[in-house]
Amino acid sequence: MYYKIKLPDYLYVVHGLGTVFSKSKYGEYLVIFQNTTIGVHNGMYPVIGDRVVIYPNCLVAGNTRIGNNCTIGAGSIIINQEIPDNSIVFGNGKKLTIKENKKNAIKNYFLIE
């Protein structure tokens, strides 16, 4: 974890081995799994919204904005992308798939509405 970052008050790191937190902006109720990097790309850092779950082996970097109530599928690579609120995302680069998130996974980890 980069020493200058402000982590959310409600953060759950599941099997944190290999997980990197850069000096990005993090929303509340963040769940992040192992071997995931939230990193810099061309001097830009991502912004992560509220109630976001990021499954294992992901890269979120650069001028990326992850909206509120999003789920990022395992192995996803998201660089310089805008992910709308209430989305499920999986894949990478030009093969990135974004779908409506009808059932946010955050409820599996926190007791919130």
PDB file of N, CA and C in Angstrom:
ATOM      1  N   MET A   1       0.853  -1.173   0.000  1.00  0.00           N
ATOM      2  CA  MET A   1       0.000   0.000   0.000  1.00  0.00           C
ATOM      3  C   MET A   1       0.897   1.233   0.000  1.00  0.00           C
ATOM      4  N   TYR A   2       0.614   2.109  -0.912  1.00  0.00           N
ATOM      5  CA  TYR A   2       1.385   3.343  -1.005  1.00  0.00           C
ATOM      6  C   TYR A   2       1.137   4.172   0.240  1.00  0.00           C
ATOM      7  N   TYR A   3       2.183   4.747   0.808  1.00  0.00           N
ATOM      8  CA  TYR A   3       2.075   5.397   2.112  1.00  0.00           C
ATOM      9  C   TYR A   3       1.196   6.644   2.125  1.00  0.00           C
ATOM     10  N   LYS A   4       0.917   7.261   0.984  1.00  0.00           N
ATOM     11  CA  LYS A   4       0.120   8.490   0.951  1.00  0.00           C
ATOM     12  C   LYS A   4      -1.371   8.256   0.675  1.00  0.00           C
ATOM     13  N   ILE A   5      -1.794   7.032   0.534  1.00  0.00           N
ATOM     14  CA  ILE A   5      -3.195   6.815   0.166  1.00  0.00           C
ATOM     15  C   ILE A   5      -4.118   6.879   1.373  1.00  0.00           C
ATOM     16  N   LYS A   6      -5.356   7.250   1.079  1.00  0.00           N
ATOM     17  CA  LYS A   6      -6.415   7.208   2.086  1.00  0.00           C
ATOM     18  C   LYS A   6      -7.292   6.017   1.732  1.00  0.00           C
ATOM     19  N   LEU A   7      -7.235   5.021   2.569  1.00  0.00           N
ATOM     20  CA  LEU A   7      -8.054   3.836   2.347  1.00  0.00           C
ATOM     21  C   LEU A   7      -9.464   4.088   2.864  1.00  0.00           C
ATOM     22  N   PRO A   8     -10.442   3.394   2.304  1.00  0.00           N
ATOM     23  CA  PRO A   8     -11.815   3.557   2.785  1.00  0.00           C
ATOM     24  C   PRO A   8     -11.969   3.052   4.215  1.00  0.00           C
ATOM     25  N   ASP A   9     -12.943   3.592   4.920  1.00  0.00           N
ATOM     26  CA  ASP A   9     -13.237   3.109   6.276  1.00  0.00           C
ATOM     27  C   ASP A   9     -13.727   1.667   6.245  1.00  0.00           C
ATOM     28  N   TYR A  10     -14.418   1.297   5.188  1.00  0.00           N
ATOM     29  CA  TYR A  10     -14.957  -0.057   5.042  1.00  0.00           C
ATOM     30  C   TYR A  10     -14.240  -0.734   3.880  1.00  0.00           C
ATOM     31  N   LEU A  11     -13.205  -1.496   4.222  1.00  0.00           N
ATOM     32  CA  LEU A  11     -12.354  -2.177   3.256  1.00  0.00           C
ATOM     33  C   LEU A  11     -12.197  -3.615   3.701  1.00  0.00           C
ATOM     34  N   TYR A  12     -12.376  -4.546   2.756  1.00  0.00           N
ATOM     35  CA  TYR A  12     -12.171  -5.959   3.048  1.00  0.00           C
ATOM     36  C   TYR A  12     -11.180  -6.499   2.022  1.00  0.00           C
ATOM     37  N   VAL A  13      -9.988  -6.851   2.473  1.00  0.00           N
ATOM     38  CA  VAL A  13      -8.977  -7.440   1.614  1.00  0.00           C
ATOM     39  C   VAL A  13      -9.022  -8.945   1.837  1.00  0.00           C
ATOM     40  N   VAL A  14      -9.429  -9.673   0.806  1.00  0.00           N
ATOM     41  CA  VAL A  14      -9.573 -11.123   0.887  1.00  0.00           C
ATOM     42  C   VAL A  14      -8.303 -11.750   0.302  1.00  0.00           C
ATOM     43  N   HIS A  15      -7.577 -12.507   1.110  1.00  0.00           N
ATOM     44  CA  HIS A  15      -6.331 -13.128   0.633  1.00  0.00           C
ATOM     45  C   HIS A  15      -5.462 -12.068  -0.063  1.00  0.00           C
ATOM     46  N   GLY A  16      -4.962 -11.112   0.672  1.00  0.00           N
ATOM     47  CA  GLY A  16      -4.284  -9.937   0.136  1.00  0.00           C
ATOM     48  C   GLY A  16      -2.932 -10.155  -0.515  1.00  0.00           C
ATOM     49  N   LEU A  17      -2.441 -11.390  -0.565  1.00  0.00           N
ATOM     50  CA  LEU A  17      -1.126 -11.653  -1.140  1.00  0.00           C
ATOM     51  C   LEU A  17      -1.025 -11.115  -2.567  1.00  0.00           C
ATOM     52  N   GLY A  18      -0.002 -10.331  -2.831  1.00  0.00           N
ATOM     53  CA  GLY A  18       0.236  -9.824  -4.183  1.00  0.00           C
ATOM     54  C   GLY A  18      -0.646  -8.666  -4.588  1.00  0.00           C
ATOM     55  N   THR A  19      -1.408  -8.096  -3.654  1.00  0.00           N
ATOM     56  CA  THR A  19      -2.298  -6.988  -3.980  1.00  0.00           C
ATOM     57  C   THR A  19      -1.571  -5.674  -3.781  1.00  0.00           C
ATOM     58  N   VAL A  20      -1.721  -4.756  -4.745  1.00  0.00           N
ATOM     59  CA  VAL A  20      -1.042  -3.463  -4.714  1.00  0.00           C
ATOM     60  C   VAL A  20      -2.084  -2.349  -4.768  1.00  0.00           C
ATOM     61  N   PHE A  21      -1.986  -1.431  -3.807  1.00  0.00           N
ATOM     62  CA  PHE A  21      -2.838  -0.236  -3.781  1.00  0.00           C
ATOM     63  C   PHE A  21      -1.956   0.976  -4.099  1.00  0.00           C
ATOM     64  N   SER A  22      -2.190   1.636  -5.214  1.00  0.00           N
ATOM     65  CA  SER A  22      -1.449   2.854  -5.534  1.00  0.00           C
ATOM     66  C   SER A  22      -2.143   4.048  -4.888  1.00  0.00           C
ATOM     67  N   LYS A  23      -1.658   5.242  -5.158  1.00  0.00           N
ATOM     68  CA  LYS A  23      -2.280   6.423  -4.569  1.00  0.00           C
ATOM     69  C   LYS A  23      -3.510   6.863  -5.361  1.00  0.00           C
ATOM     70  N   SER A  24      -4.375   5.934  -5.623  1.00  0.00           N
ATOM     71  CA  SER A  24      -5.652   6.173  -6.292  1.00  0.00           C
ATOM     72  C   SER A  24      -6.674   6.664  -5.278  1.00  0.00           C
ATOM     73  N   LYS A  25      -7.871   6.985  -5.753  1.00  0.00           N
ATOM     74  CA  LYS A  25      -8.968   7.351  -4.856  1.00  0.00           C
ATOM     75  C   LYS A  25      -9.879   6.142  -4.728  1.00  0.00           C
ATOM     76  N   TYR A  26     -10.222   5.807  -3.471  1.00  0.00           N
ATOM     77  CA  TYR A  26     -10.993   4.609  -3.187  1.00  0.00           C
ATOM     78  C   TYR A  26     -12.291   4.981  -2.490  1.00  0.00           C
ATOM     79  N   GLY A  27     -13.413   4.437  -2.991  1.00  0.00           N
ATOM     80  CA  GLY A  27     -14.703   4.641  -2.356  1.00  0.00           C
ATOM     81  C   GLY A  27     -14.907   3.701  -1.187  1.00  0.00           C
ATOM     82  N   GLU A  28     -16.004   3.906  -0.488  1.00  0.00           N
ATOM     83  CA  GLU A  28     -16.345   3.077   0.672  1.00  0.00           C
ATOM     84  C   GLU A  28     -16.876   1.709   0.235  1.00  0.00           C
ATOM     85  N   TYR A  29     -16.761   0.753   1.141  1.00  0.00           N
ATOM     86  CA  TYR A  29     -17.221  -0.624   0.929  1.00  0.00           C
ATOM     87  C   TYR A  29     -16.525  -1.241  -0.283  1.00  0.00           C
ATOM     88  N   LEU A  30     -15.219  -1.300  -0.189  1.00  0.00           N
ATOM     89  CA  LEU A  30     -14.400  -1.897  -1.241  1.00  0.00           C
ATOM     90  C   LEU A  30     -13.983  -3.294  -0.801  1.00  0.00           C
ATOM     91  N   VAL A  31     -14.175  -4.268  -1.691  1.00  0.00           N
ATOM     92  CA  VAL A  31     -13.709  -5.640  -1.475  1.00  0.00           C
ATOM     93  C   VAL A  31     -12.708  -5.926  -2.587  1.00  0.00           C
ATOM     94  N   ILE A  32     -11.521  -6.374  -2.195  1.00  0.00           N
ATOM     95  CA  ILE A  32     -10.488  -6.641  -3.194  1.00  0.00           C
ATOM     96  C   ILE A  32      -9.792  -7.964  -2.870  1.00  0.00           C
ATOM     97  N   PHE A  33      -9.561  -8.750  -3.903  1.00  0.00           N
ATOM     98  CA  PHE A  33      -8.968 -10.076  -3.745  1.00  0.00           C
ATOM     99  C   PHE A  33      -7.490 -10.076  -4.134  1.00  0.00           C
ATOM    100  N   GLN A  34      -6.866 -11.227  -3.960  1.00  0.00           N
ATOM    101  CA  GLN A  34      -5.435 -11.399  -4.138  1.00  0.00           C
ATOM    102  C   GLN A  34      -4.957 -11.111  -5.556  1.00  0.00           C
ATOM    103  N   ASN A  35      -3.659 -10.745  -5.597  1.00  0.00           N
ATOM    104  CA  ASN A  35      -2.945 -10.569  -6.859  1.00  0.00           C
ATOM    105  C   ASN A  35      -3.592  -9.528  -7.768  1.00  0.00           C
ATOM    106  N   THR A  36      -4.137  -8.492  -7.169  1.00  0.00           N
ATOM    107  CA  THR A  36      -4.768  -7.411  -7.921  1.00  0.00           C
ATOM    108  C   THR A  36      -3.935  -6.150  -7.760  1.00  0.00           C
ATOM    109  N   THR A  37      -3.778  -5.413  -8.850  1.00  0.00           N
ATOM    110  CA  THR A  37      -3.027  -4.166  -8.821  1.00  0.00           C
ATOM    111  C   THR A  37      -3.932  -3.010  -9.200  1.00  0.00           C
ATOM    112  N   ILE A  38      -3.974  -2.008  -8.328  1.00  0.00           N
ATOM    113  CA  ILE A  38      -4.592  -0.728  -8.641  1.00  0.00           C
ATOM    114  C   ILE A  38      -3.400   0.193  -8.863  1.00  0.00           C
ATOM    115  N   GLY A  39      -3.110   0.539 -10.121  1.00  0.00           N
ATOM    116  CA  GLY A  39      -1.833   1.167 -10.407  1.00  0.00           C
ATOM    117  C   GLY A  39      -1.873   2.359 -11.335  1.00  0.00           C
ATOM    118  N   VAL A  40      -0.692   2.924 -11.517  1.00  0.00           N
ATOM    119  CA  VAL A  40      -0.483   4.108 -12.343  1.00  0.00           C
ATOM    120  C   VAL A  40      -0.227   3.694 -13.788  1.00  0.00           C
ATOM    121  N   HIS A  41      -0.658   4.529 -14.722  1.00  0.00           N
ATOM    122  CA  HIS A  41      -0.355   4.352 -16.137  1.00  0.00           C
ATOM    123  C   HIS A  41      -0.252   5.744 -16.739  1.00  0.00           C
ATOM    124  N   ASN A  42       0.898   6.064 -17.296  1.00  0.00           N
ATOM    125  CA  ASN A  42       1.159   7.397 -17.857  1.00  0.00           C
ATOM    126  C   ASN A  42       0.875   8.511 -16.854  1.00  0.00           C
ATOM    127  N   GLY A  43       1.242   8.293 -15.620  1.00  0.00           N
ATOM    128  CA  GLY A  43       1.084   9.314 -14.584  1.00  0.00           C
ATOM    129  C   GLY A  43      -0.327   9.501 -14.058  1.00  0.00           C
ATOM    130  N   MET A  44      -1.264   8.674 -14.497  1.00  0.00           N
ATOM    131  CA  MET A  44      -2.672   8.787 -14.084  1.00  0.00           C
ATOM    132  C   MET A  44      -3.022   7.614 -13.171  1.00  0.00           C
ATOM    133  N   TYR A  45      -3.925   7.903 -12.215  1.00  0.00           N
ATOM    134  CA  TYR A  45      -4.368   6.896 -11.252  1.00  0.00           C
ATOM    135  C   TYR A  45      -5.878   6.714 -11.342  1.00  0.00           C
ATOM    136  N   PRO A  46      -6.370   5.501 -11.101  1.00  0.00           N
ATOM    137  CA  PRO A  46      -7.815   5.252 -11.162  1.00  0.00           C
ATOM    138  C   PRO A  46      -8.577   5.878  -9.994  1.00  0.00           C
ATOM    139  N   VAL A  47      -9.876   5.994 -10.200  1.00  0.00           N
ATOM    140  CA  VAL A  47     -10.821   6.378  -9.155  1.00  0.00           C
ATOM    141  C   VAL A  47     -11.805   5.225  -9.029  1.00  0.00           C
ATOM    142  N   ILE A  48     -11.917   4.686  -7.819  1.00  0.00           N
ATOM    143  CA  ILE A  48     -12.788   3.544  -7.555  1.00  0.00           C
ATOM    144  C   ILE A  48     -13.990   4.045  -6.757  1.00  0.00           C
ATOM    145  N   GLY A  49     -15.198   3.754  -7.232  1.00  0.00           N
ATOM    146  CA  GLY A  49     -16.423   4.203  -6.573  1.00  0.00           C
ATOM    147  C   GLY A  49     -16.756   3.424  -5.314  1.00  0.00           C
ATOM    148  N   ASP A  50     -17.940   3.670  -4.786  1.00  0.00           N
ATOM    149  CA  ASP A  50     -18.449   2.992  -3.589  1.00  0.00           C
ATOM    150  C   ASP A  50     -19.056   1.636  -3.954  1.00  0.00           C
ATOM    151  N   ARG A  51     -18.974   0.693  -3.017  1.00  0.00           N
ATOM    152  CA  ARG A  51     -19.592  -0.630  -3.142  1.00  0.00           C
ATOM    153  C   ARG A  51     -19.082  -1.373  -4.379  1.00  0.00           C
ATOM    154  N   VAL A  52     -17.750  -1.526  -4.434  1.00  0.00           N
ATOM    155  CA  VAL A  52     -17.087  -2.189  -5.563  1.00  0.00           C
ATOM    156  C   VAL A  52     -16.406  -3.458  -5.075  1.00  0.00           C
ATOM    157  N   VAL A  53     -16.571  -4.538  -5.844  1.00  0.00           N
ATOM    158  CA  VAL A  53     -15.879  -5.804  -5.592  1.00  0.00           C
ATOM    159  C   VAL A  53     -14.940  -6.050  -6.762  1.00  0.00           C
ATOM    160  N   ILE A  54     -13.662  -6.289  -6.451  1.00  0.00           N
ATOM    161  CA  ILE A  54     -12.666  -6.588  -7.480  1.00  0.00           C
ATOM    162  C   ILE A  54     -12.113  -7.974  -7.182  1.00  0.00           C
ATOM    163  N   TYR A  55     -12.442  -8.920  -8.059  1.00  0.00           N
ATOM    164  CA  TYR A  55     -12.035 -10.306  -7.861  1.00  0.00           C
ATOM    165  C   TYR A  55     -10.558 -10.519  -8.231  1.00  0.00           C
ATOM    166  N   PRO A  56      -9.980 -11.717  -8.002  1.00  0.00           N
ATOM    167  CA  PRO A  56      -8.535 -11.933  -8.119  1.00  0.00           C
ATOM    168  C   PRO A  56      -7.950 -11.652  -9.507  1.00  0.00           C
ATOM    169  N   ASN A  57      -6.649 -11.347  -9.463  1.00  0.00           N
ATOM    170  CA  ASN A  57      -5.815 -11.239 -10.671  1.00  0.00           C
ATOM    171  C   ASN A  57      -6.245 -10.133 -11.622  1.00  0.00           C
ATOM    172  N   CYS A  58      -6.651  -9.004 -11.083  1.00  0.00           N
ATOM    173  CA  CYS A  58      -7.082  -7.874 -11.907  1.00  0.00           C
ATOM    174  C   CYS A  58      -6.031  -6.779 -11.940  1.00  0.00           C
ATOM    175  N   LEU A  59      -6.085  -5.982 -13.007  1.00  0.00           N
ATOM    176  CA  LEU A  59      -5.298  -4.766 -13.122  1.00  0.00           C
ATOM    177  C   LEU A  59      -6.266  -3.637 -13.430  1.00  0.00           C
ATOM    178  N   VAL A  60      -6.266  -2.617 -12.585  1.00  0.00           N
ATOM    179  CA  VAL A  60      -7.048  -1.396 -12.814  1.00  0.00           C
ATOM    180  C   VAL A  60      -6.033  -0.267 -12.773  1.00  0.00           C
ATOM    181  N   ALA A  61      -5.855   0.442 -13.895  1.00  0.00           N
ATOM    182  CA  ALA A  61      -4.781   1.427 -13.955  1.00  0.00           C
ATOM    183  C   ALA A  61      -5.146   2.603 -14.851  1.00  0.00           C
ATOM    184  N   GLY A  62      -4.345   3.663 -14.703  1.00  0.00           N
ATOM    185  CA  GLY A  62      -4.465   4.824 -15.570  1.00  0.00           C
ATOM    186  C   GLY A  62      -5.680   5.670 -15.277  1.00  0.00           C
ATOM    187  N   ASN A  63      -6.134   6.358 -16.293  1.00  0.00           N
ATOM    188  CA  ASN A  63      -7.280   7.263 -16.193  1.00  0.00           C
ATOM    189  C   ASN A  63      -8.578   6.461 -16.251  1.00  0.00           C
ATOM    190  N   THR A  64      -8.753   5.590 -15.275  1.00  0.00           N
ATOM    191  CA  THR A  64      -9.928   4.725 -15.197  1.00  0.00           C
ATOM    192  C   THR A  64     -10.834   5.209 -14.086  1.00  0.00           C
ATOM    193  N   ARG A  65     -12.131   5.178 -14.352  1.00  0.00           N
ATOM    194  CA  ARG A  65     -13.114   5.460 -13.311  1.00  0.00           C
ATOM    195  C   ARG A  65     -14.034   4.264 -13.219  1.00  0.00           C
ATOM    196  N   ILE A  66     -14.044   3.626 -12.037  1.00  0.00           N
ATOM    197  CA  ILE A  66     -14.970   2.538 -11.762  1.00  0.00           C
ATOM    198  C   ILE A  66     -16.132   3.158 -10.998  1.00  0.00           C
ATOM    199  N   GLY A  67     -17.343   3.056 -11.533  1.00  0.00           N
ATOM    200  CA  GLY A  67     -18.518   3.647 -10.902  1.00  0.00           C
ATOM    201  C   GLY A  67     -18.924   2.929  -9.623  1.00  0.00           C
ATOM    202  N   ASN A  68     -19.981   3.401  -9.024  1.00  0.00           N
ATOM    203  CA  ASN A  68     -20.537   2.796  -7.810  1.00  0.00           C
ATOM    204  C   ASN A  68     -21.255   1.494  -8.154  1.00  0.00           C
ATOM    205  N   ASN A  69     -21.287   0.582  -7.183  1.00  0.00           N
ATOM    206  CA  ASN A  69     -22.026  -0.682  -7.318  1.00  0.00           C
ATOM    207  C   ASN A  69     -21.524  -1.533  -8.480  1.00  0.00           C
ATOM    208  N   CYS A  70     -20.221  -1.658  -8.610  1.00  0.00           N
ATOM    209  CA  CYS A  70     -19.645  -2.423  -9.714  1.00  0.00           C
ATOM    210  C   CYS A  70     -18.956  -3.688  -9.215  1.00  0.00           C
ATOM    211  N   THR A  71     -18.924  -4.685 -10.082  1.00  0.00           N
ATOM    212  CA  THR A  71     -18.205  -5.932  -9.836  1.00  0.00           C
ATOM    213  C   THR A  71     -17.231  -6.130 -10.980  1.00  0.00           C
ATOM    214  N   ILE A  72     -15.953  -6.339 -10.633  1.00  0.00           N
ATOM    215  CA  ILE A  72     -14.909  -6.544 -11.630  1.00  0.00           C
ATOM    216  C   ILE A  72     -14.529  -8.020 -11.598  1.00  0.00           C
ATOM    217  N   GLY A  73     -14.754  -8.710 -12.706  1.00  0.00           N
ATOM    218  CA  GLY A  73     -14.516 -10.150 -12.786  1.00  0.00           C
ATOM    219  C   GLY A  73     -13.046 -10.515 -12.716  1.00  0.00           C
ATOM    220  N   ALA A  74     -12.770 -11.715 -12.265  1.00  0.00           N
ATOM    221  CA  ALA A  74     -11.399 -12.217 -12.109  1.00  0.00           C
ATOM    222  C   ALA A  74     -10.626 -12.104 -13.418  1.00  0.00           C
ATOM    223  N   GLY A  75      -9.378 -11.655 -13.302  1.00  0.00           N
ATOM    224  CA  GLY A  75      -8.487 -11.580 -14.447  1.00  0.00           C
ATOM    225  C   GLY A  75      -8.725 -10.397 -15.366  1.00  0.00           C
ATOM    226  N   SER A  76      -9.583  -9.482 -14.998  1.00  0.00           N
ATOM    227  CA  SER A  76      -9.882  -8.330 -15.860  1.00  0.00           C
ATOM    228  C   SER A  76      -8.721  -7.343 -15.877  1.00  0.00           C
ATOM    229  N   ILE A  77      -8.520  -6.738 -17.042  1.00  0.00           N
ATOM    230  CA  ILE A  77      -7.517  -5.685 -17.211  1.00  0.00           C
ATOM    231  C   ILE A  77      -8.252  -4.449 -17.702  1.00  0.00           C
ATOM    232  N   ILE A  78      -8.237  -3.413 -16.867  1.00  0.00           N
ATOM    233  CA  ILE A  78      -8.978  -2.187 -17.175  1.00  0.00           C
ATOM    234  C   ILE A  78      -8.000  -1.018 -17.102  1.00  0.00           C
ATOM    235  N   ILE A  79      -7.680  -0.455 -18.252  1.00  0.00           N
ATOM    236  CA  ILE A  79      -6.746   0.669 -18.326  1.00  0.00           C
ATOM    237  C   ILE A  79      -7.417   1.782 -19.127  1.00  0.00           C
ATOM    238  N   ASN A  80      -7.462   2.972 -18.537  1.00  0.00           N
ATOM    239  CA  ASN A  80      -8.035   4.156 -19.194  1.00  0.00           C
ATOM    240  C   ASN A  80      -9.457   3.911 -19.688  1.00  0.00           C
ATOM    241  N   GLN A  81     -10.299   3.387 -18.818  1.00  0.00           N
ATOM    242  CA  GLN A  81     -11.685   3.075 -19.164  1.00  0.00           C
ATOM    243  C   GLN A  81     -12.644   3.771 -18.206  1.00  0.00           C
ATOM    244  N   GLU A  82     -13.829   4.050 -18.673  1.00  0.00           N
ATOM    245  CA  GLU A  82     -14.917   4.585 -17.854  1.00  0.00           C
ATOM    246  C   GLU A  82     -15.926   3.457 -17.668  1.00  0.00           C
ATOM    247  N   ILE A  83     -16.086   3.010 -16.432  1.00  0.00           N
ATOM    248  CA  ILE A  83     -17.030   1.937 -16.129  1.00  0.00           C
ATOM    249  C   ILE A  83     -18.224   2.573 -15.429  1.00  0.00           C
ATOM    250  N   PRO A  84     -19.402   2.520 -16.040  1.00  0.00           N
ATOM    251  CA  PRO A  84     -20.575   3.179 -15.449  1.00  0.00           C
ATOM    252  C   PRO A  84     -21.022   2.522 -14.148  1.00  0.00           C
ATOM    253  N   ASP A  85     -21.771   3.281 -13.349  1.00  0.00           N
ATOM    254  CA  ASP A  85     -22.376   2.742 -12.135  1.00  0.00           C
ATOM    255  C   ASP A  85     -23.165   1.480 -12.475  1.00  0.00           C
ATOM    256  N   ASN A  86     -23.278   0.586 -11.499  1.00  0.00           N
ATOM    257  CA  ASN A  86     -24.113  -0.620 -11.608  1.00  0.00           C
ATOM    258  C   ASN A  86     -23.701  -1.523 -12.774  1.00  0.00           C
ATOM    259  N   SER A  87     -22.405  -1.793 -12.863  1.00  0.00           N
ATOM    260  CA  SER A  87     -21.896  -2.624 -13.963  1.00  0.00           C
ATOM    261  C   SER A  87     -21.154  -3.848 -13.442  1.00  0.00           C
ATOM    262  N   ILE A  88     -21.178  -4.892 -14.271  1.00  0.00           N
ATOM    263  CA  ILE A  88     -20.302  -6.050 -14.115  1.00  0.00           C
ATOM    264  C   ILE A  88     -19.336  -5.980 -15.288  1.00  0.00           C
ATOM    265  N   VAL A  89     -18.045  -6.124 -15.000  1.00  0.00           N
ATOM    266  CA  VAL A  89     -17.019  -5.995 -16.024  1.00  0.00           C
ATOM    267  C   VAL A  89     -16.155  -7.247 -16.022  1.00  0.00           C
ATOM    268  N   PHE A  90     -15.805  -7.720 -17.212  1.00  0.00           N
ATOM    269  CA  PHE A  90     -14.861  -8.827 -17.313  1.00  0.00           C
ATOM    270  C   PHE A  90     -14.160  -8.777 -18.653  1.00  0.00           C
ATOM    271  N   GLY A  91     -12.987  -9.388 -18.714  1.00  0.00           N
ATOM    272  CA  GLY A  91     -12.180  -9.364 -19.927  1.00  0.00           C
ATOM    273  C   GLY A  91     -11.077  -8.339 -19.821  1.00  0.00           C
ATOM    274  N   ASN A  92     -10.559  -7.944 -20.988  1.00  0.00           N
ATOM    275  CA  ASN A  92      -9.497  -6.947 -20.974  1.00  0.00           C
ATOM    276  C   ASN A  92      -9.393  -6.217 -22.302  1.00  0.00           C
ATOM    277  N   GLY A  93      -8.846  -5.011 -22.220  1.00  0.00           N
ATOM    278  CA  GLY A  93      -8.571  -4.218 -23.415  1.00  0.00           C
ATOM    279  C   GLY A  93      -9.772  -4.084 -24.334  1.00  0.00           C
ATOM    280  N   LYS A  94      -9.555  -4.419 -25.603  1.00  0.00           N
ATOM    281  CA  LYS A  94     -10.618  -4.308 -26.601  1.00  0.00           C
ATOM    282  C   LYS A  94     -11.702  -5.364 -26.410  1.00  0.00           C
ATOM    283  N   LYS A  95     -11.408  -6.396 -25.621  1.00  0.00           N
ATOM    284  CA  LYS A  95     -12.383  -7.456 -25.356  1.00  0.00           C
ATOM    285  C   LYS A  95     -13.067  -7.275 -24.009  1.00  0.00           C
ATOM    286  N   LEU A  96     -13.018  -6.053 -23.465  1.00  0.00           N
ATOM    287  CA  LEU A  96     -13.657  -5.765 -22.191  1.00  0.00           C
ATOM    288  C   LEU A  96     -15.173  -5.782 -22.374  1.00  0.00           C
ATOM    289  N   THR A  97     -15.844  -6.532 -21.533  1.00  0.00           N
ATOM    290  CA  THR A  97     -17.303  -6.641 -21.591  1.00  0.00           C
ATOM    291  C   THR A  97     -17.889  -5.953 -20.372  1.00  0.00           C
ATOM    292  N   ILE A  98     -18.859  -5.081 -20.609  1.00  0.00           N
ATOM    293  CA  ILE A  98     -19.534  -4.359 -19.536  1.00  0.00           C
ATOM    294  C   ILE A  98     -21.021  -4.658 -19.639  1.00  0.00           C
ATOM    295  N   LYS A  99     -21.586  -5.183 -18.553  1.00  0.00           N
ATOM    296  CA  LYS A  99     -23.009  -5.515 -18.517  1.00  0.00           C
ATOM    297  C   LYS A  99     -23.650  -4.871 -17.292  1.00  0.00           C
ATOM    298  N   GLU A 100     -24.972  -4.814 -17.305  1.00  0.00           N
ATOM    299  CA  GLU A 100     -25.700  -4.268 -16.160  1.00  0.00           C
ATOM    300  C   GLU A 100     -25.542  -5.194 -14.957  1.00  0.00           C
ATOM    301  N   ASN A 101     -25.297  -4.606 -13.807  1.00  0.00           N
ATOM    302  CA  ASN A 101     -25.126  -5.360 -12.558  1.00  0.00           C
ATOM    303  C   ASN A 101     -26.463  -5.379 -11.827  1.00  0.00           C
ATOM    304  N   LYS A 102     -27.210  -6.439 -11.998  1.00  0.00           N
ATOM    305  CA  LYS A 102     -28.537  -6.531 -11.381  1.00  0.00           C
ATOM    306  C   LYS A 102     -28.466  -6.992  -9.929  1.00  0.00           C
ATOM    307  N   LYS A 103     -27.377  -7.662  -9.560  1.00  0.00           N
ATOM    308  CA  LYS A 103     -27.234  -8.169  -8.196  1.00  0.00           C
ATOM    309  C   LYS A 103     -25.793  -7.941  -7.759  1.00  0.00           C
ATOM    310  N   ASN A 104     -25.554  -6.839  -7.080  1.00  0.00           N
ATOM    311  CA  ASN A 104     -24.199  -6.500  -6.684  1.00  0.00           C
ATOM    312  C   ASN A 104     -23.664  -7.485  -5.657  1.00  0.00           C
ATOM    313  N   ALA A 105     -22.457  -7.951  -5.887  1.00  0.00           N
ATOM    314  CA  ALA A 105     -21.804  -8.934  -5.015  1.00  0.00           C
ATOM    315  C   ALA A 105     -21.409  -8.361  -3.662  1.00  0.00           C
ATOM    316  N   ILE A 106     -21.463  -7.051  -3.496  1.00  0.00           N
ATOM    317  CA  ILE A 106     -21.032  -6.423  -2.238  1.00  0.00           C
ATOM    318  C   ILE A 106     -21.826  -6.954  -1.047  1.00  0.00           C
ATOM    319  N   LYS A 107     -23.067  -7.350  -1.274  1.00  0.00           N
ATOM    320  CA  LYS A 107     -23.916  -7.852  -0.187  1.00  0.00           C
ATOM    321  C   LYS A 107     -23.417  -9.180   0.369  1.00  0.00           C
ATOM    322  N   ASN A 108     -22.514  -9.842  -0.355  1.00  0.00           N
ATOM    323  CA  ASN A 108     -21.903 -11.069   0.160  1.00  0.00           C
ATOM    324  C   ASN A 108     -20.837 -10.774   1.212  1.00  0.00           C
ATOM    325  N   TYR A 109     -20.409  -9.515   1.311  1.00  0.00           N
ATOM    326  CA  TYR A 109     -19.290  -9.161   2.177  1.00  0.00           C
ATOM    327  C   TYR A 109     -19.627  -8.140   3.261  1.00  0.00           C
ATOM    328  N   PHE A 110     -20.624  -7.298   3.022  1.00  0.00           N
ATOM    329  CA  PHE A 110     -21.027  -6.277   3.990  1.00  0.00           C
ATOM    330  C   PHE A 110     -22.547  -6.309   4.151  1.00  0.00           C
ATOM    331  N   LEU A 111     -23.032  -6.001   5.323  1.00  0.00           N
ATOM    332  CA  LEU A 111     -24.474  -5.917   5.566  1.00  0.00           C
ATOM    333  C   LEU A 111     -24.928  -4.486   5.271  1.00  0.00           C
ATOM    334  N   ILE A 112     -25.146  -4.195   3.997  1.00  0.00           N
ATOM    335  CA  ILE A 112     -25.601  -2.863   3.580  1.00  0.00           C
ATOM    336  C   ILE A 112     -26.726  -3.021   2.578  1.00  0.00           C
ATOM    337  N   GLU A 113     -27.479  -1.977   2.404  1.00  0.00           N
ATOM    338  CA  GLU A 113     -28.557  -1.962   1.405  1.00  0.00           C
ATOM    339  C   GLU A 113     -28.067  -1.443   0.088  1.00  0.00           C
TER     340      GLU A 113
END
